[in-house]
Amino acid sequence: MGNNDLTEAILLLAPVLLIWFILLVAGLVDLISCQRTRGPKWLWGLIVILFSIIGPVVYFIFGREEA
């Protein structure tokens, strides 16, 4: 793998990693600040952390309980 190939790979992965990081942080911050969730908070925390990009999306759709 040459230097050009490495640069190309980084440029392809950067947007995915950025989206993953933003979703992870947003999901965890919302989970911590939210008073009520549908189910135990510790379980939603595991889902957000362990299931990469899908976990935070699932939490935002199904886990949040509107007051």
PDB file of N, CA and C in Angstrom:
ATOM      1  N   MET A   1       0.864  -1.176   0.000  1.00  0.00           N
ATOM      2  CA  MET A   1       0.000   0.000   0.000  1.00  0.00           C
ATOM      3  C   MET A   1       0.901   1.227   0.000  1.00  0.00           C
ATOM      4  N   GLY A   2       0.782   2.036  -1.027  1.00  0.00           N
ATOM      5  CA  GLY A   2       1.617   3.227  -1.145  1.00  0.00           C
ATOM      6  C   GLY A   2       1.045   4.389  -0.369  1.00  0.00           C
ATOM      7  N   ASN A   3       1.787   5.463  -0.382  1.00  0.00           N
ATOM      8  CA  ASN A   3       1.382   6.668   0.333  1.00  0.00           C
ATOM      9  C   ASN A   3       0.091   7.228  -0.251  1.00  0.00           C
ATOM     10  N   ASN A   4      -0.061   7.169  -1.565  1.00  0.00           N
ATOM     11  CA  ASN A   4      -1.260   7.668  -2.225  1.00  0.00           C
ATOM     12  C   ASN A   4      -2.484   6.843  -1.846  1.00  0.00           C
ATOM     13  N   ASP A   5      -2.301   5.522  -1.739  1.00  0.00           N
ATOM     14  CA  ASP A   5      -3.412   4.648  -1.351  1.00  0.00           C
ATOM     15  C   ASP A   5      -3.860   4.924   0.080  1.00  0.00           C
ATOM     16  N   LEU A   6      -2.903   5.179   0.951  1.00  0.00           N
ATOM     17  CA  LEU A   6      -3.219   5.476   2.353  1.00  0.00           C
ATOM     18  C   LEU A   6      -3.997   6.781   2.462  1.00  0.00           C
ATOM     19  N   THR A   7      -3.583   7.789   1.725  1.00  0.00           N
ATOM     20  CA  THR A   7      -4.285   9.069   1.728  1.00  0.00           C
ATOM     21  C   THR A   7      -5.710   8.903   1.210  1.00  0.00           C
ATOM     22  N   GLU A   8      -5.857   8.109   0.167  1.00  0.00           N
ATOM     23  CA  GLU A   8      -7.176   7.855  -0.397  1.00  0.00           C
ATOM     24  C   GLU A   8      -8.084   7.140   0.607  1.00  0.00           C
ATOM     25  N   ALA A   9      -7.537   6.171   1.313  1.00  0.00           N
ATOM     26  CA  ALA A   9      -8.308   5.428   2.311  1.00  0.00           C
ATOM     27  C   ALA A   9      -8.737   6.336   3.456  1.00  0.00           C
ATOM     28  N   ILE A  10      -7.857   7.206   3.890  1.00  0.00           N
ATOM     29  CA  ILE A  10      -8.192   8.135   4.976  1.00  0.00           C
ATOM     30  C   ILE A  10      -9.300   9.086   4.536  1.00  0.00           C
ATOM     31  N   LEU A  11      -9.214   9.571   3.305  1.00  0.00           N
ATOM     32  CA  LEU A  11     -10.234  10.492   2.807  1.00  0.00           C
ATOM     33  C   LEU A  11     -11.592   9.804   2.664  1.00  0.00           C
ATOM     34  N   LEU A  12     -11.601   8.518   2.382  1.00  0.00           N
ATOM     35  CA  LEU A  12     -12.863   7.791   2.285  1.00  0.00           C
ATOM     36  C   LEU A  12     -13.454   7.475   3.660  1.00  0.00           C
ATOM     37  N   LEU A  13     -12.603   7.203   4.633  1.00  0.00           N
ATOM     38  CA  LEU A  13     -13.086   6.841   5.963  1.00  0.00           C
ATOM     39  C   LEU A  13     -13.418   8.036   6.851  1.00  0.00           C
ATOM     40  N   ALA A  14     -12.828   9.177   6.592  1.00  0.00           N
ATOM     41  CA  ALA A  14     -13.009  10.349   7.455  1.00  0.00           C
ATOM     42  C   ALA A  14     -14.480  10.748   7.638  1.00  0.00           C
ATOM     43  N   PRO A  15     -15.283  10.836   6.572  1.00  0.00           N
ATOM     44  CA  PRO A  15     -16.693  11.218   6.787  1.00  0.00           C
ATOM     45  C   PRO A  15     -17.463  10.196   7.625  1.00  0.00           C
ATOM     46  N   VAL A  16     -17.200   8.919   7.421  1.00  0.00           N
ATOM     47  CA  VAL A  16     -17.887   7.880   8.194  1.00  0.00           C
ATOM     48  C   VAL A  16     -17.504   7.976   9.667  1.00  0.00           C
ATOM     49  N   LEU A  17     -16.225   8.158   9.942  1.00  0.00           N
ATOM     50  CA  LEU A  17     -15.777   8.285  11.330  1.00  0.00           C
ATOM     51  C   LEU A  17     -16.337   9.535  11.986  1.00  0.00           C
ATOM     52  N   LEU A  18     -16.431  10.619  11.236  1.00  0.00           N
ATOM     53  CA  LEU A  18     -16.989  11.862  11.776  1.00  0.00           C
ATOM     54  C   LEU A  18     -18.466  11.688  12.118  1.00  0.00           C
ATOM     55  N   ILE A  19     -19.230  11.062  11.230  1.00  0.00           N
ATOM     56  CA  ILE A  19     -20.650  10.804  11.498  1.00  0.00           C
ATOM     57  C   ILE A  19     -20.801   9.893  12.709  1.00  0.00           C
ATOM     58  N   TRP A  20     -19.987   8.836  12.786  1.00  0.00           N
ATOM     59  CA  TRP A  20     -20.035   7.918  13.921  1.00  0.00           C
ATOM     60  C   TRP A  20     -19.769   8.662  15.226  1.00  0.00           C
ATOM     61  N   PHE A  21     -18.734   9.501  15.248  1.00  0.00           N
ATOM     62  CA  PHE A  21     -18.373  10.207  16.469  1.00  0.00           C
ATOM     63  C   PHE A  21     -19.464  11.189  16.886  1.00  0.00           C
ATOM     64  N   ILE A  22     -20.017  11.928  15.938  1.00  0.00           N
ATOM     65  CA  ILE A  22     -21.074  12.896  16.255  1.00  0.00           C
ATOM     66  C   ILE A  22     -22.311  12.179  16.790  1.00  0.00           C
ATOM     67  N   LEU A  23     -22.717  11.078  16.163  1.00  0.00           N
ATOM     68  CA  LEU A  23     -23.876  10.321  16.652  1.00  0.00           C
ATOM     69  C   LEU A  23     -23.624   9.745  18.039  1.00  0.00           C
ATOM     70  N   LEU A  24     -22.434   9.228  18.271  1.00  0.00           N
ATOM     71  CA  LEU A  24     -22.099   8.663  19.576  1.00  0.00           C
ATOM     72  C   LEU A  24     -22.174   9.717  20.669  1.00  0.00           C
ATOM     73  N   VAL A  25     -21.544  10.855  20.443  1.00  0.00           N
ATOM     74  CA  VAL A  25     -21.537  11.920  21.452  1.00  0.00           C
ATOM     75  C   VAL A  25     -22.942  12.473  21.663  1.00  0.00           C
ATOM     76  N   ALA A  26     -23.671  12.724  20.583  1.00  0.00           N
ATOM     77  CA  ALA A  26     -25.030  13.263  20.704  1.00  0.00           C
ATOM     78  C   ALA A  26     -25.942  12.288  21.442  1.00  0.00           C
ATOM     79  N   GLY A  27     -25.824  11.009  21.138  1.00  0.00           N
ATOM     80  CA  GLY A  27     -26.647  10.013  21.818  1.00  0.00           C
ATOM     81  C   GLY A  27     -26.343   9.921  23.300  1.00  0.00           C
ATOM     82  N   LEU A  28     -25.057   9.909  23.646  1.00  0.00           N
ATOM     83  CA  LEU A  28     -24.690   9.813  25.060  1.00  0.00           C
ATOM     84  C   LEU A  28     -25.046  11.070  25.841  1.00  0.00           C
ATOM     85  N   VAL A  29     -24.830  12.232  25.245  1.00  0.00           N
ATOM     86  CA  VAL A  29     -25.190  13.492  25.922  1.00  0.00           C
ATOM     87  C   VAL A  29     -26.691  13.560  26.146  1.00  0.00           C
ATOM     88  N   ASP A  30     -27.471  13.201  25.135  1.00  0.00           N
ATOM     89  CA  ASP A  30     -28.927  13.219  25.286  1.00  0.00           C
ATOM     90  C   ASP A  30     -29.380  12.200  26.324  1.00  0.00           C
ATOM     91  N   LEU A  31     -28.774  11.023  26.310  1.00  0.00           N
ATOM     92  CA  LEU A  31     -29.139   9.981  27.271  1.00  0.00           C
ATOM     93  C   LEU A  31     -28.858  10.422  28.700  1.00  0.00           C
ATOM     94  N   ILE A  32     -27.727  11.066  28.918  1.00  0.00           N
ATOM     95  CA  ILE A  32     -27.367  11.529  30.261  1.00  0.00           C
ATOM     96  C   ILE A  32     -28.292  12.650  30.720  1.00  0.00           C
ATOM     97  N   SER A  33     -28.636  13.553  29.813  1.00  0.00           N
ATOM     98  CA  SER A  33     -29.445  14.707  30.211  1.00  0.00           C
ATOM     99  C   SER A  33     -30.940  14.423  30.233  1.00  0.00           C
ATOM    100  N   CYS A  34     -31.362  13.352  29.603  1.00  0.00           N
ATOM    101  CA  CYS A  34     -32.778  13.009  29.533  1.00  0.00           C
ATOM    102  C   CYS A  34     -33.264  12.458  30.880  1.00  0.00           C
ATOM    103  N   GLN A  35     -34.422  12.909  31.318  1.00  0.00           N
ATOM    104  CA  GLN A  35     -34.966  12.453  32.599  1.00  0.00           C
ATOM    105  C   GLN A  35     -35.601  11.069  32.491  1.00  0.00           C
ATOM    106  N   ARG A  36     -36.278  10.804  31.369  1.00  0.00           N
ATOM    107  CA  ARG A  36     -36.995   9.540  31.216  1.00  0.00           C
ATOM    108  C   ARG A  36     -36.684   8.915  29.867  1.00  0.00           C
ATOM    109  N   THR A  37     -36.530   7.604  29.887  1.00  0.00           N
ATOM    110  CA  THR A  37     -36.342   6.851  28.656  1.00  0.00           C
ATOM    111  C   THR A  37     -37.299   5.665  28.654  1.00  0.00           C
ATOM    112  N   ARG A  38     -37.475   5.068  27.504  1.00  0.00           N
ATOM    113  CA  ARG A  38     -38.280   3.852  27.408  1.00  0.00           C
ATOM    114  C   ARG A  38     -37.363   2.680  27.702  1.00  0.00           C
ATOM    115  N   GLY A  39     -37.271   2.310  28.929  1.00  0.00           N
ATOM    116  CA  GLY A  39     -36.369   1.242  29.349  1.00  0.00           C
ATOM    117  C   GLY A  39     -35.245   1.811  30.203  1.00  0.00           C
ATOM    118  N   PRO A  40     -34.413   0.941  30.749  1.00  0.00           N
ATOM    119  CA  PRO A  40     -33.334   1.403  31.625  1.00  0.00           C
ATOM    120  C   PRO A  40     -32.255   2.168  30.858  1.00  0.00           C
ATOM    121  N   LYS A  41     -31.761   3.230  31.484  1.00  0.00           N
ATOM    122  CA  LYS A  41     -30.733   4.054  30.853  1.00  0.00           C
ATOM    123  C   LYS A  41     -29.460   3.269  30.575  1.00  0.00           C
ATOM    124  N   TRP A  42     -29.077   2.368  31.489  1.00  0.00           N
ATOM    125  CA  TRP A  42     -27.833   1.620  31.297  1.00  0.00           C
ATOM    126  C   TRP A  42     -27.909   0.763  30.041  1.00  0.00           C
ATOM    127  N   LEU A  43     -29.104   0.222  29.747  1.00  0.00           N
ATOM    128  CA  LEU A  43     -29.268  -0.596  28.551  1.00  0.00           C
ATOM    129  C   LEU A  43     -29.159   0.260  27.289  1.00  0.00           C
ATOM    130  N   TRP A  44     -29.768   1.433  27.303  1.00  0.00           N
ATOM    131  CA  TRP A  44     -29.657   2.331  26.157  1.00  0.00           C
ATOM    132  C   TRP A  44     -28.214   2.788  25.974  1.00  0.00           C
ATOM    133  N   GLY A  45     -27.514   2.997  27.072  1.00  0.00           N
ATOM    134  CA  GLY A  45     -26.099   3.361  26.972  1.00  0.00           C
ATOM    135  C   GLY A  45     -25.284   2.280  26.275  1.00  0.00           C
ATOM    136  N   LEU A  46     -25.542   1.021  26.628  1.00  0.00           N
ATOM    137  CA  LEU A  46     -24.855  -0.091  25.964  1.00  0.00           C
ATOM    138  C   LEU A  46     -25.205  -0.160  24.482  1.00  0.00           C
ATOM    139  N   ILE A  47     -26.465   0.043  24.171  1.00  0.00           N
ATOM    140  CA  ILE A  47     -26.891   0.006  22.769  1.00  0.00           C
ATOM    141  C   ILE A  47     -26.206   1.109  21.969  1.00  0.00           C
ATOM    142  N   VAL A  48     -26.165   2.315  22.524  1.00  0.00           N
ATOM    143  CA  VAL A  48     -25.539   3.440  21.834  1.00  0.00           C
ATOM    144  C   VAL A  48     -24.055   3.178  21.613  1.00  0.00           C
ATOM    145  N   ILE A  49     -23.378   2.638  22.614  1.00  0.00           N
ATOM    146  CA  ILE A  49     -21.934   2.429  22.509  1.00  0.00           C
ATOM    147  C   ILE A  49     -21.586   1.211  21.655  1.00  0.00           C
ATOM    148  N   LEU A  50     -22.282   0.109  21.852  1.00  0.00           N
ATOM    149  CA  LEU A  50     -21.883  -1.138  21.204  1.00  0.00           C
ATOM    150  C   LEU A  50     -22.338  -1.281  19.751  1.00  0.00           C
ATOM    151  N   PHE A  51     -23.412  -0.626  19.366  1.00  0.00           N
ATOM    152  CA  PHE A  51     -23.939  -0.828  18.026  1.00  0.00           C
ATOM    153  C   PHE A  51     -23.609   0.313  17.080  1.00  0.00           C
ATOM    154  N   SER A  52     -22.458   0.909  17.259  1.00  0.00           N
ATOM    155  CA  SER A  52     -21.847   1.862  16.333  1.00  0.00           C
ATOM    156  C   SER A  52     -22.827   2.915  15.838  1.00  0.00           C
ATOM    157  N   ILE A  53     -23.008   3.028  14.541  1.00  0.00           N
ATOM    158  CA  ILE A  53     -23.850   4.089  13.980  1.00  0.00           C
ATOM    159  C   ILE A  53     -25.332   3.793  14.190  1.00  0.00           C
ATOM    160  N   ILE A  54     -25.719   2.537  14.172  1.00  0.00           N
ATOM    161  CA  ILE A  54     -27.132   2.169  14.309  1.00  0.00           C
ATOM    162  C   ILE A  54     -27.653   2.407  15.734  1.00  0.00           C
ATOM    163  N   GLY A  55     -26.834   2.188  16.747  1.00  0.00           N
ATOM    164  CA  GLY A  55     -27.256   2.314  18.135  1.00  0.00           C
ATOM    165  C   GLY A  55     -27.823   3.679  18.494  1.00  0.00           C
ATOM    166  N   PRO A  56     -27.100   4.770  18.218  1.00  0.00           N
ATOM    167  CA  PRO A  56     -27.665   6.088  18.524  1.00  0.00           C
ATOM    168  C   PRO A  56     -28.941   6.392  17.743  1.00  0.00           C
ATOM    169  N   VAL A  57     -29.009   5.936  16.499  1.00  0.00           N
ATOM    170  CA  VAL A  57     -30.211   6.170  15.695  1.00  0.00           C
ATOM    171  C   VAL A  57     -31.402   5.443  16.317  1.00  0.00           C
ATOM    172  N   VAL A  58     -31.198   4.203  16.734  1.00  0.00           N
ATOM    173  CA  VAL A  58     -32.262   3.431  17.384  1.00  0.00           C
ATOM    174  C   VAL A  58     -32.681   4.111  18.681  1.00  0.00           C
ATOM    175  N   TYR A  59     -31.718   4.613  19.445  1.00  0.00           N
ATOM    176  CA  TYR A  59     -32.049   5.317  20.694  1.00  0.00           C
ATOM    177  C   TYR A  59     -32.904   6.548  20.414  1.00  0.00           C
ATOM    178  N   PHE A  60     -32.500   7.359  19.426  1.00  0.00           N
ATOM    179  CA  PHE A  60     -33.264   8.574  19.136  1.00  0.00           C
ATOM    180  C   PHE A  60     -34.663   8.265  18.631  1.00  0.00           C
ATOM    181  N   ILE A  61     -34.850   7.154  17.939  1.00  0.00           N
ATOM    182  CA  ILE A  61     -36.178   6.808  17.417  1.00  0.00           C
ATOM    183  C   ILE A  61     -37.050   6.143  18.476  1.00  0.00           C
ATOM    184  N   PHE A  62     -36.477   5.173  19.216  1.00  0.00           N
ATOM    185  CA  PHE A  62     -37.294   4.362  20.119  1.00  0.00           C
ATOM    186  C   PHE A  62     -37.047   4.599  21.615  1.00  0.00           C
ATOM    187  N   GLY A  63     -35.902   5.086  21.994  1.00  0.00           N
ATOM    188  CA  GLY A  63     -35.545   5.148  23.399  1.00  0.00           C
ATOM    189  C   GLY A  63     -35.966   6.395  24.137  1.00  0.00           C
ATOM    190  N   ARG A  64     -36.071   7.481  23.425  1.00  0.00           N
ATOM    191  CA  ARG A  64     -36.433   8.740  24.097  1.00  0.00           C
ATOM    192  C   ARG A  64     -37.916   8.750  24.430  1.00  0.00           C
ATOM    193  N   GLU A  65     -38.219   9.246  25.592  1.00  0.00           N
ATOM    194  CA  GLU A  65     -39.625   9.379  26.000  1.00  0.00           C
ATOM    195  C   GLU A  65     -39.919  10.854  26.160  1.00  0.00           C
ATOM    196  N   GLU A  66     -40.806  11.350  25.339  1.00  0.00           N
ATOM    197  CA  GLU A  66     -41.167  12.758  25.391  1.00  0.00           C
ATOM    198  C   GLU A  66     -41.976  13.052  26.646  1.00  0.00           C
ATOM    199  N   ALA A  67     -41.660  14.148  27.278  1.00  0.00           N
ATOM    200  CA  ALA A  67     -42.328  14.522  28.531  1.00  0.00           C
ATOM    201  C   ALA A  67     -43.674  15.148  28.283  1.00  0.00           C
TER     202      ALA A  67
END
